[in-house]
């Protein structure tokens, strides 16, 4: 049984390249993330094909944010595809609407706390209230859980503190910004290794570039899985 703690981000230009990468990874990887960048490149069709024909789990990373009625309608539509995870922004009204849209389906609603590519300077530019990034992440995570989120997206550097929240019991923590030892940081500013993320209470790690930019993507994925197993 493949280890589904590793989610590979198919952050490639279109569905054809995504399918090619998934075929290269084969049975080594069982869980894939399809994001907004591929939506116009056939992302939903790819999600369906990987799910229905290849038996993969799918995380649709849309980071939805809108008025409640619109979020509810969008999630209700997406929930028909029988996917596994969907991201929304962690604002309580958005989470509540998404949960209503997913009612009766197995789709897990994951709340984005603060994007892992952002630091305090970025938050200042966006007029987000003062305070340490980690404190704001914890506050947003607790509010998202209270609103009904099945889990949160958070940096590995906040994972242990989120896992310590009473509200996090039975909820998922899914972590981008994970880089195997020696890998380039890319656009991520708050990172950790796969083993450290798991030790800190993360349920799933999301890894993109270190896999698909590797000359041997399958070997890169297997190395990450070996590191997870050692954790």
Protein backbone atom coordinates (compact mmCIF):
# COMPACT_ATOMS: atom_id res chain seq x y z
CA UNK A 1 0.00 0.00 0.00
CA UNK A 2 1.62 3.31 -1.07
CA UNK A 3 2.31 5.84 1.67
CA UNK A 4 -0.27 8.57 1.09
CA UNK A 5 1.44 10.96 3.51
CA UNK A 6 3.34 12.23 0.45
CA UNK A 7 1.24 14.41 -1.85
CA UNK A 8 3.03 15.34 -5.07
CA UNK A 9 2.07 18.74 -6.46
CA UNK A 10 1.48 18.55 -10.19
CA UNK A 11 2.52 22.17 -10.71
CA UNK A 12 3.20 21.63 -14.41
CA UNK A 13 1.66 23.65 -17.27
CA UNK A 14 -1.09 21.31 -18.42
CA UNK A 15 -2.91 18.03 -17.89
CA UNK A 16 -0.85 16.16 -20.49
CA UNK A 17 2.40 16.92 -18.64
CA UNK A 18 0.68 16.12 -15.35
CA UNK A 19 -0.45 12.73 -16.62
CA UNK A 20 3.02 12.00 -18.01
CA UNK A 21 4.57 12.79 -14.64
CA UNK A 22 2.01 10.64 -12.80
CA UNK A 23 2.77 7.74 -15.16
CA UNK A 24 6.50 8.21 -14.52
CA UNK A 25 5.92 8.09 -10.76
CA UNK A 26 3.67 5.05 -11.17
CA UNK A 27 2.76 3.14 -8.01
CA UNK A 28 5.34 5.04 -5.92
CA UNK A 29 2.90 7.93 -5.41
CA UNK A 30 -0.79 7.58 -4.55
CA UNK A 31 -1.83 11.19 -3.81
CA UNK A 32 -1.61 14.25 -6.09
CA UNK A 33 -2.29 17.97 -5.70
CA UNK A 34 -3.76 19.89 -8.62
CA UNK A 35 -3.71 23.65 -8.18
CA UNK A 36 -5.16 26.81 -9.61
CA UNK A 37 -2.29 27.18 -12.07
CA UNK A 38 -3.44 24.11 -13.98
CA UNK A 39 -7.17 24.82 -13.87
CA UNK A 40 -7.18 26.29 -17.38
CA UNK A 41 -4.82 23.55 -18.59
CA UNK A 42 -7.26 20.71 -18.00
CA UNK A 43 -6.78 20.35 -14.26
CA UNK A 44 -10.26 19.07 -13.47
CA UNK A 45 -10.12 16.55 -16.31
CA UNK A 46 -6.75 15.34 -15.02
CA UNK A 47 -8.13 15.07 -11.49
CA UNK A 48 -10.95 12.90 -12.80
CA UNK A 49 -8.67 10.70 -14.86
CA UNK A 50 -6.18 10.13 -12.03
CA UNK A 51 -9.03 9.35 -9.63
CA UNK A 52 -11.24 7.18 -11.82
CA UNK A 53 -8.72 5.39 -14.06
CA UNK A 54 -5.61 5.26 -11.88
CA UNK A 55 -7.11 5.01 -8.39
CA UNK A 56 -5.21 8.02 -7.05
CA UNK A 57 -6.29 10.36 -4.26
CA UNK A 58 -6.70 13.99 -5.32
CA UNK A 59 -6.16 17.25 -3.46
CA UNK A 60 -7.69 20.16 -5.38
CA UNK A 61 -5.86 23.28 -4.25
CA UNK A 62 -8.21 26.10 -5.28
CA UNK A 63 -7.91 28.32 -2.15
CA UNK A 64 -11.47 29.53 -2.67
CA UNK A 65 -12.46 32.91 -1.27
CA UNK A 66 -15.74 34.72 -1.93
CA UNK A 67 -19.08 35.48 -0.33
CA UNK A 68 -20.64 32.50 1.41
CA UNK A 69 -23.27 31.68 -1.22
CA UNK A 70 -20.69 31.64 -4.00
CA UNK A 71 -18.27 29.46 -2.05
CA UNK A 72 -21.06 27.04 -1.15
CA UNK A 73 -22.14 26.76 -4.80
CA UNK A 74 -18.57 26.28 -6.03
CA UNK A 75 -17.84 23.58 -3.46
CA UNK A 76 -21.12 21.79 -4.18
CA UNK A 77 -20.11 21.62 -7.84
CA UNK A 78 -16.59 20.42 -7.11
CA UNK A 79 -17.82 17.86 -4.59
CA UNK A 80 -19.55 15.98 -7.42
CA UNK A 81 -16.13 14.84 -8.65
CA UNK A 82 -15.58 12.69 -5.52
CA UNK A 83 -12.17 14.21 -4.82
CA UNK A 84 -10.44 14.00 -1.45
CA UNK A 85 -9.21 17.43 -0.30
CA UNK A 86 -10.17 20.98 -1.27
CA UNK A 87 -8.62 24.20 0.02
CA UNK A 88 -10.45 27.37 0.95
CA UNK A 89 -9.21 30.45 2.75
CA UNK A 90 -9.50 30.03 6.51
CA UNK A 91 -11.90 32.89 7.16
CA UNK A 92 -14.75 31.41 9.22
CA UNK A 93 -17.55 32.48 6.84
CA UNK A 94 -15.72 30.81 3.95
CA UNK A 95 -15.12 27.59 5.89
CA UNK A 96 -18.74 27.36 7.01
CA UNK A 97 -19.99 27.87 3.45
CA UNK A 98 -17.56 25.28 2.07
CA UNK A 99 -18.63 22.71 4.63
CA UNK A 100 -22.25 23.30 3.66
CA UNK A 101 -21.35 22.84 -0.01
CA UNK A 102 -19.58 19.55 0.77
CA UNK A 103 -22.43 18.21 2.88
CA UNK A 104 -23.05 14.51 2.24
CA UNK A 105 -19.72 14.00 0.44
CA UNK A 106 -16.36 12.70 1.64
CA UNK A 107 -14.56 15.83 0.44
CA UNK A 108 -12.36 17.25 3.21
CA UNK A 109 -12.29 21.03 3.52
CA UNK A 110 -8.82 22.34 4.37
CA UNK A 111 -8.40 25.93 5.51
CA UNK A 112 -5.45 28.07 4.45
CA UNK A 113 -4.11 29.97 7.46
CA UNK A 114 -1.36 32.20 6.03
CA UNK A 115 0.32 31.26 2.76
CA UNK A 116 3.72 29.66 3.37
CA UNK A 117 5.36 32.03 0.86
CA UNK A 118 4.50 35.06 3.02
CA UNK A 119 6.44 36.68 5.83
CA UNK A 120 5.67 39.60 8.16
CA UNK A 121 6.66 42.18 5.56
CA UNK A 122 4.17 40.70 3.10
CA UNK A 123 1.43 40.82 5.75
CA UNK A 124 2.22 44.47 6.46
CA UNK A 125 1.83 45.24 2.76
CA UNK A 126 -1.60 43.56 2.87
CA UNK A 127 -2.72 45.52 5.96
CA UNK A 128 -2.96 42.33 8.04
CA UNK A 129 -2.99 43.10 11.75
CA UNK A 130 0.29 43.27 13.63
CA UNK A 131 1.75 40.28 15.45
CA UNK A 132 4.13 37.41 14.83
CA UNK A 133 3.25 35.26 11.80
CA UNK A 134 3.15 32.10 13.93
CA UNK A 135 0.70 33.68 16.39
CA UNK A 136 -1.60 34.75 13.57
CA UNK A 137 -1.43 31.29 12.00
CA UNK A 138 -2.42 29.68 15.31
CA UNK A 139 -5.31 32.09 15.75
CA UNK A 140 -6.57 31.54 12.21
CA UNK A 141 -6.20 27.76 12.57
CA UNK A 142 -8.24 27.70 15.79
CA UNK A 143 -10.99 29.83 14.21
CA UNK A 144 -11.08 27.64 11.11
CA UNK A 145 -11.41 24.50 13.23
CA UNK A 146 -14.21 26.12 15.21
CA UNK A 147 -15.96 26.92 11.90
CA UNK A 148 -15.82 23.23 10.97
CA UNK A 149 -12.67 22.83 8.85
CA UNK A 150 -11.53 19.23 8.47
CA UNK A 151 -7.94 20.41 8.53
CA UNK A 152 -5.58 23.26 7.83
CA UNK A 153 -2.78 24.10 5.47
CA UNK A 154 0.17 25.44 7.41
CA UNK A 155 3.91 25.81 7.30
CA UNK A 156 5.86 22.99 8.96
CA UNK A 157 7.25 25.59 11.36
CA UNK A 158 3.78 26.07 12.86
CA UNK A 159 2.67 22.43 12.71
CA UNK A 160 3.69 21.41 16.23
CA UNK A 161 1.92 24.40 17.76
CA UNK A 162 -1.23 23.76 15.71
CA UNK A 163 -1.18 20.11 16.71
CA UNK A 164 -1.06 21.25 20.35
CA UNK A 165 -4.30 23.23 19.97
CA UNK A 166 -7.26 21.45 21.64
CA UNK A 167 -9.31 22.26 18.52
CA UNK A 168 -6.93 20.25 16.31
CA UNK A 169 -7.89 16.86 17.74
CA UNK A 170 -9.00 14.60 14.90
CA UNK A 171 -8.22 17.27 12.28
CA UNK A 172 -5.68 17.17 9.48
CA UNK A 173 -2.53 19.26 9.10
CA UNK A 174 -1.27 19.39 5.51
CA UNK A 175 2.04 21.07 4.90
CA UNK A 176 3.57 22.64 1.80
CA UNK A 177 6.97 24.25 2.12
CA UNK A 178 8.59 20.85 2.69
CA UNK A 179 12.00 20.44 1.12
CA UNK A 180 14.21 17.35 1.31
CA UNK A 181 17.67 18.06 2.72
CA UNK A 182 19.74 19.92 0.13
CA UNK A 183 16.81 20.97 -2.07
CA UNK A 184 16.40 24.57 -3.25
CA UNK A 185 13.89 26.66 -1.29
CA UNK A 186 12.20 28.09 -4.41
CA UNK A 187 9.53 30.64 -3.41
CA UNK A 188 8.97 29.16 0.05
CA UNK A 189 10.17 31.11 3.09
CA UNK A 190 9.03 28.84 5.95
CA UNK A 191 10.29 25.29 5.33
CA UNK A 192 11.26 21.99 6.98
CA UNK A 193 12.39 18.52 5.94
CA UNK A 194 9.82 15.72 5.45
CA UNK A 195 10.89 13.81 8.57
CA UNK A 196 10.74 16.92 10.76
CA UNK A 197 7.27 17.79 9.47
CA UNK A 198 5.94 14.33 10.36
CA UNK A 199 7.55 14.48 13.81
CA UNK A 200 5.80 17.82 14.35
CA UNK A 201 2.38 16.28 13.84
CA UNK A 202 1.78 16.80 10.11
CA UNK A 203 -0.50 14.25 8.41
CA UNK A 204 0.47 14.95 4.79
CA UNK A 205 3.36 16.80 3.17
CA UNK A 206 3.10 18.44 -0.24
CA UNK A 207 6.21 18.36 -2.43
CA UNK A 208 6.42 19.70 -5.99
CA UNK A 209 9.64 20.98 -7.53
CA UNK A 210 12.03 18.57 -5.76
CA UNK A 211 10.12 15.75 -7.48
CA UNK A 212 9.15 17.06 -10.91
CA UNK A 213 12.33 19.07 -11.51
CA UNK A 214 14.48 16.05 -10.67
CA UNK A 215 16.13 14.14 -13.53
CA UNK A 216 14.69 11.05 -11.80
CA UNK A 217 11.27 12.01 -10.40
CA UNK A 218 10.40 8.49 -9.26
CA UNK A 219 13.74 8.17 -7.45
CA UNK A 220 13.21 11.58 -5.82
CA UNK A 221 9.74 10.55 -4.61
CA UNK A 222 11.05 7.25 -3.28
CA UNK A 223 13.79 9.07 -1.35
CA UNK A 224 11.18 11.29 0.30
CA UNK A 225 9.04 8.26 1.12
CA UNK A 226 12.06 6.57 2.69
CA UNK A 227 12.65 9.66 4.81
CA UNK A 228 8.97 9.60 5.89
CA UNK A 229 9.26 5.94 6.84
CA UNK A 230 12.31 6.75 8.99
CA UNK A 231 10.37 9.44 10.86
